Every structure is written in C-alpha cells, then in structure tokens.
C-alpha cells in the first residue's frame, strides 16, 4: 500500500513492467501514479487518469513507450513502480489536476490548469 500526503491509500506498489501491469493493474477506471524509487522515499514521477481506457490499458501503453514521450525514455525502468486508485472519472480528473498543479511531476509534460476541489473530504 502507498499512502499519499492527502490521506488516500493507493493499491501497490508494483514493478513498472508489462508482466506486473498485466498481473496487478485492474481493468477499471481511476487514477494511477508512476513512482521513482531511486531515493529514500518514493517520489511521484508521473500521474495519469484512466477514464476512457482502463488503468491496465493506460499503464500497458506507458510500459510499451506509448502515450507519453517522457515515460518512453526512462533510463532505468527497474527504479520505477506504479500504484493506482480506483474511482469515478470526475474524481480521477480532479486528483490528477491537483497533483499536477501543486507538485508538477517531472514526466507530466503538458500544461495543466487548476480544476480540482482542494478538500479531499469530497473523495
């Protein structure tokens, strides 16, 4: 289990490999994070939402180098893990937006506009 600074408990951590994604990522909607584990504490390297595709589908694309040019250039994938949190599409979009605007993970490369509810009590 991975706990973020907002009190959410994410499922994982799982290795960021295709075999691990197929075995552990759900065929459901939600939000997922790719964490860098090369430091003492895991750091969010990327956050994404699965609202048109499943968490498994989106992560499978990322492992194969599709959907995000920055993730496709990982130097050492063994230093990365993924976590996920199943939720409805509106909550997923708000969580992603909050993390991107407040923390800006290094592999989230497109601009983001603030579109979230600051209180986690809603989720």
C-alpha atoms as a PDB file:
ATOM      1  CA  UNK A   1       0.000   0.000   0.000  1.00  0.00           C
ATOM      2  CA  UNK A   2       1.088   3.534  -0.757  1.00  0.00           C
ATOM      3  CA  UNK A   3      -0.313   6.484   1.177  1.00  0.00           C
ATOM      4  CA  UNK A   4      -0.158   9.939  -0.346  1.00  0.00           C
ATOM      5  CA  UNK A   5       0.025  13.227   1.524  1.00  0.00           C
ATOM      6  CA  UNK A   6      -3.748  13.716   1.093  1.00  0.00           C
ATOM      7  CA  UNK A   7      -4.679  10.607   3.044  1.00  0.00           C
ATOM      8  CA  UNK A   8      -5.565   8.366   0.116  1.00  0.00           C
ATOM      9  CA  UNK A   9      -4.409   4.752   0.234  1.00  0.00           C
ATOM     10  CA  UNK A  10      -3.324   3.580  -3.216  1.00  0.00           C
ATOM     11  CA  UNK A  11      -3.070  -0.038  -4.327  1.00  0.00           C
ATOM     12  CA  UNK A  12       0.529  -1.058  -4.886  1.00  0.00           C
ATOM     13  CA  UNK A  13       3.468  -0.653  -5.232  1.00  0.00           C
ATOM     14  CA  UNK A  14       4.073  -2.907  -8.206  1.00  0.00           C
ATOM     15  CA  UNK A  15       7.086  -3.062 -10.554  1.00  0.00           C
ATOM     16  CA  UNK A  16       6.664  -0.951 -13.695  1.00  0.00           C
ATOM     17  CA  UNK A  17       6.896  -3.880 -16.118  1.00  0.00           C
ATOM     18  CA  UNK A  18       4.445  -5.276 -18.634  1.00  0.00           C
ATOM     19  CA  UNK A  19       4.117  -8.580 -16.741  1.00  0.00           C
ATOM     20  CA  UNK A  20       3.398  -6.728 -13.498  1.00  0.00           C
ATOM     21  CA  UNK A  21       0.874  -4.412 -15.139  1.00  0.00           C
ATOM     22  CA  UNK A  22      -0.987  -7.380 -16.648  1.00  0.00           C
ATOM     23  CA  UNK A  23      -0.965  -9.225 -13.306  1.00  0.00           C
ATOM     24  CA  UNK A  24      -1.768  -6.332 -10.952  1.00  0.00           C
ATOM     25  CA  UNK A  25      -3.465  -3.413 -12.701  1.00  0.00           C
ATOM     26  CA  UNK A  26      -7.262  -3.567 -12.797  1.00  0.00           C
ATOM     27  CA  UNK A  27      -9.474  -3.304 -15.849  1.00  0.00           C
ATOM     28  CA  UNK A  28     -11.285  -0.406 -14.185  1.00  0.00           C
ATOM     29  CA  UNK A  29     -11.323   3.363 -14.293  1.00  0.00           C
ATOM     30  CA  UNK A  30      -9.333   5.563 -11.954  1.00  0.00           C
ATOM     31  CA  UNK A  31      -6.051   7.345 -11.466  1.00  0.00           C
ATOM     32  CA  UNK A  32      -2.537   5.908 -11.376  1.00  0.00           C
ATOM     33  CA  UNK A  33       0.925   7.129 -10.499  1.00  0.00           C
ATOM     34  CA  UNK A  34       4.374   6.030 -11.543  1.00  0.00           C
ATOM     35  CA  UNK A  35       6.781   6.477  -8.661  1.00  0.00           C
ATOM     36  CA  UNK A  36      10.556   6.800  -8.749  1.00  0.00           C
ATOM     37  CA  UNK A  37      12.106   4.596  -6.073  1.00  0.00           C
ATOM     38  CA  UNK A  38      15.766   5.513  -6.518  1.00  0.00           C
ATOM     39  CA  UNK A  39      15.650   7.810  -3.470  1.00  0.00           C
ATOM     40  CA  UNK A  40      14.895   7.043   0.169  1.00  0.00           C
ATOM     41  CA  UNK A  41      11.180   7.771  -0.224  1.00  0.00           C
ATOM     42  CA  UNK A  42       9.181   7.143  -3.415  1.00  0.00           C
ATOM     43  CA  UNK A  43       8.587  10.271  -5.472  1.00  0.00           C
ATOM     44  CA  UNK A  44       5.755  10.826  -7.938  1.00  0.00           C
ATOM     45  CA  UNK A  45       7.285  10.827 -11.416  1.00  0.00           C
ATOM     46  CA  UNK A  46       4.008  10.757 -13.372  1.00  0.00           C
ATOM     47  CA  UNK A  47       0.290  10.795 -12.685  1.00  0.00           C
ATOM     48  CA  UNK A  48      -2.350   9.830 -15.207  1.00  0.00           C
ATOM     49  CA  UNK A  49      -6.030   9.072 -15.440  1.00  0.00           C
ATOM     50  CA  UNK A  50      -7.817   6.136 -16.946  1.00  0.00           C
ATOM     51  CA  UNK A  51     -11.237   7.453 -17.852  1.00  0.00           C
ATOM     52  CA  UNK A  52     -11.612   6.355 -21.481  1.00  0.00           C
ATOM     53  CA  UNK A  53      -9.361   3.342 -21.152  1.00  0.00           C
ATOM     54  CA  UNK A  54      -8.718   1.168 -18.094  1.00  0.00           C
ATOM     55  CA  UNK A  55      -5.852   1.539 -15.640  1.00  0.00           C
ATOM     56  CA  UNK A  56      -4.358  -1.652 -17.087  1.00  0.00           C
ATOM     57  CA  UNK A  57      -4.739  -0.352 -20.630  1.00  0.00           C
ATOM     58  CA  UNK A  58      -3.094   3.010 -19.925  1.00  0.00           C
ATOM     59  CA  UNK A  59      -0.209   1.510 -17.949  1.00  0.00           C
ATOM     60  CA  UNK A  60       0.366  -1.124 -20.651  1.00  0.00           C
ATOM     61  CA  UNK A  61       0.723   1.666 -23.210  1.00  0.00           C
ATOM     62  CA  UNK A  62       3.180   3.531 -20.981  1.00  0.00           C
ATOM     63  CA  UNK A  63       5.323   0.419 -20.392  1.00  0.00           C
ATOM     64  CA  UNK A  64       5.476  -0.027 -24.169  1.00  0.00           C
ATOM     65  CA  UNK A  65       6.550   3.594 -24.658  1.00  0.00           C
ATOM     66  CA  UNK A  66       3.209   4.941 -25.906  1.00  0.00           C
ATOM     67  CA  UNK A  67       1.089   7.826 -24.681  1.00  0.00           C
ATOM     68  CA  UNK A  68       3.829   9.935 -23.087  1.00  0.00           C
ATOM     69  CA  UNK A  69       7.150  10.723 -24.753  1.00  0.00           C
ATOM     70  CA  UNK A  70       8.915  11.374 -21.432  1.00  0.00           C
ATOM     71  CA  UNK A  71       7.981   7.964 -19.986  1.00  0.00           C
ATOM     72  CA  UNK A  72       9.125   6.310 -23.215  1.00  0.00           C
ATOM     73  CA  UNK A  73      12.668   7.499 -22.418  1.00  0.00           C
ATOM     74  CA  UNK A  74      13.082   6.025 -18.922  1.00  0.00           C
ATOM     75  CA  UNK A  75      16.739   5.298 -18.339  1.00  0.00           C
ATOM     76  CA  UNK A  76      16.288   2.511 -15.792  1.00  0.00           C
ATOM     77  CA  UNK A  77      12.690   1.229 -15.547  1.00  0.00           C
ATOM     78  CA  UNK A  78      13.635  -1.016 -12.616  1.00  0.00           C
ATOM     79  CA  UNK A  79      13.735   2.121 -10.422  1.00  0.00           C
ATOM     80  CA  UNK A  80      10.044   2.788 -11.070  1.00  0.00           C
ATOM     81  CA  UNK A  81       6.863   1.285  -9.638  1.00  0.00           C
ATOM     82  CA  UNK A  82       3.189   2.017 -10.153  1.00  0.00           C
ATOM     83  CA  UNK A  83       0.230   2.488  -7.842  1.00  0.00           C
ATOM     84  CA  UNK A  84      -3.431   3.049  -8.608  1.00  0.00           C
ATOM     85  CA  UNK A  85      -6.617   4.275  -7.020  1.00  0.00           C
ATOM     86  CA  UNK A  86      -9.945   3.186  -8.468  1.00  0.00           C
ATOM     87  CA  UNK A  87     -12.500   5.982  -8.674  1.00  0.00           C
ATOM     88  CA  UNK A  88     -15.028   7.663 -10.942  1.00  0.00           C
ATOM     89  CA  UNK A  89     -13.780   9.762 -13.904  1.00  0.00           C
ATOM     90  CA  UNK A  90     -14.586  13.138 -12.281  1.00  0.00           C
ATOM     91  CA  UNK A  91     -12.616  12.279  -9.140  1.00  0.00           C
ATOM     92  CA  UNK A  92      -9.724  10.925 -11.228  1.00  0.00           C
ATOM     93  CA  UNK A  93      -9.525  14.169 -13.216  1.00  0.00           C
ATOM     94  CA  UNK A  94      -9.601  16.278 -10.068  1.00  0.00           C
ATOM     95  CA  UNK A  95      -6.911  14.226  -8.328  1.00  0.00           C
ATOM     96  CA  UNK A  96      -4.676  14.364 -11.407  1.00  0.00           C
ATOM     97  CA  UNK A  97      -5.187  18.101 -11.794  1.00  0.00           C
ATOM     98  CA  UNK A  98      -4.425  18.712  -8.121  1.00  0.00           C
ATOM     99  CA  UNK A  99      -1.165  16.752  -8.221  1.00  0.00           C
ATOM    100  CA  UNK A 100      -0.019  18.321 -11.498  1.00  0.00           C
ATOM    101  CA  UNK A 101      -0.723  21.903 -10.470  1.00  0.00           C
ATOM    102  CA  UNK A 102       0.625  21.562  -6.928  1.00  0.00           C
ATOM    103  CA  UNK A 103       3.593  19.206  -7.454  1.00  0.00           C
ATOM    104  CA  UNK A 104       4.221  19.003 -11.241  1.00  0.00           C
ATOM    105  CA  UNK A 105       5.747  15.525 -11.537  1.00  0.00           C
ATOM    106  CA  UNK A 106       8.692  15.573 -13.967  1.00  0.00           C
ATOM    107  CA  UNK A 107       7.149  13.264 -16.580  1.00  0.00           C
ATOM    108  CA  UNK A 108       3.861  15.186 -16.812  1.00  0.00           C
ATOM    109  CA  UNK A 109       4.905  17.388 -19.693  1.00  0.00           C
ATOM    110  CA  UNK A 110       1.736  19.087 -20.913  1.00  0.00           C
ATOM    111  CA  UNK A 111       0.413  22.253 -19.261  1.00  0.00           C
ATOM    112  CA  UNK A 112      -2.371  21.810 -16.732  1.00  0.00           C
ATOM    113  CA  UNK A 113      -4.941  24.274 -15.477  1.00  0.00           C
ATOM    114  CA  UNK A 114      -6.253  24.167 -11.937  1.00  0.00           C
ATOM    115  CA  UNK A 115      -9.514  22.205 -11.999  1.00  0.00           C
ATOM    116  CA  UNK A 116      -9.918  20.443  -8.686  1.00  0.00           C
ATOM    117  CA  UNK A 117     -11.654  20.545  -5.364  1.00  0.00           C
ATOM    118  CA  UNK A 118      -8.975  21.401  -2.766  1.00  0.00           C
ATOM    119  CA  UNK A 119     -10.607  19.412   0.038  1.00  0.00           C
ATOM    120  CA  UNK A 120     -10.104  15.657  -0.081  1.00  0.00           C
ATOM    121  CA  UNK A 121     -13.184  15.254   2.105  1.00  0.00           C
ATOM    122  CA  UNK A 122     -15.243  15.098  -1.099  1.00  0.00           C
ATOM    123  CA  UNK A 123     -13.406  11.964  -2.250  1.00  0.00           C
END
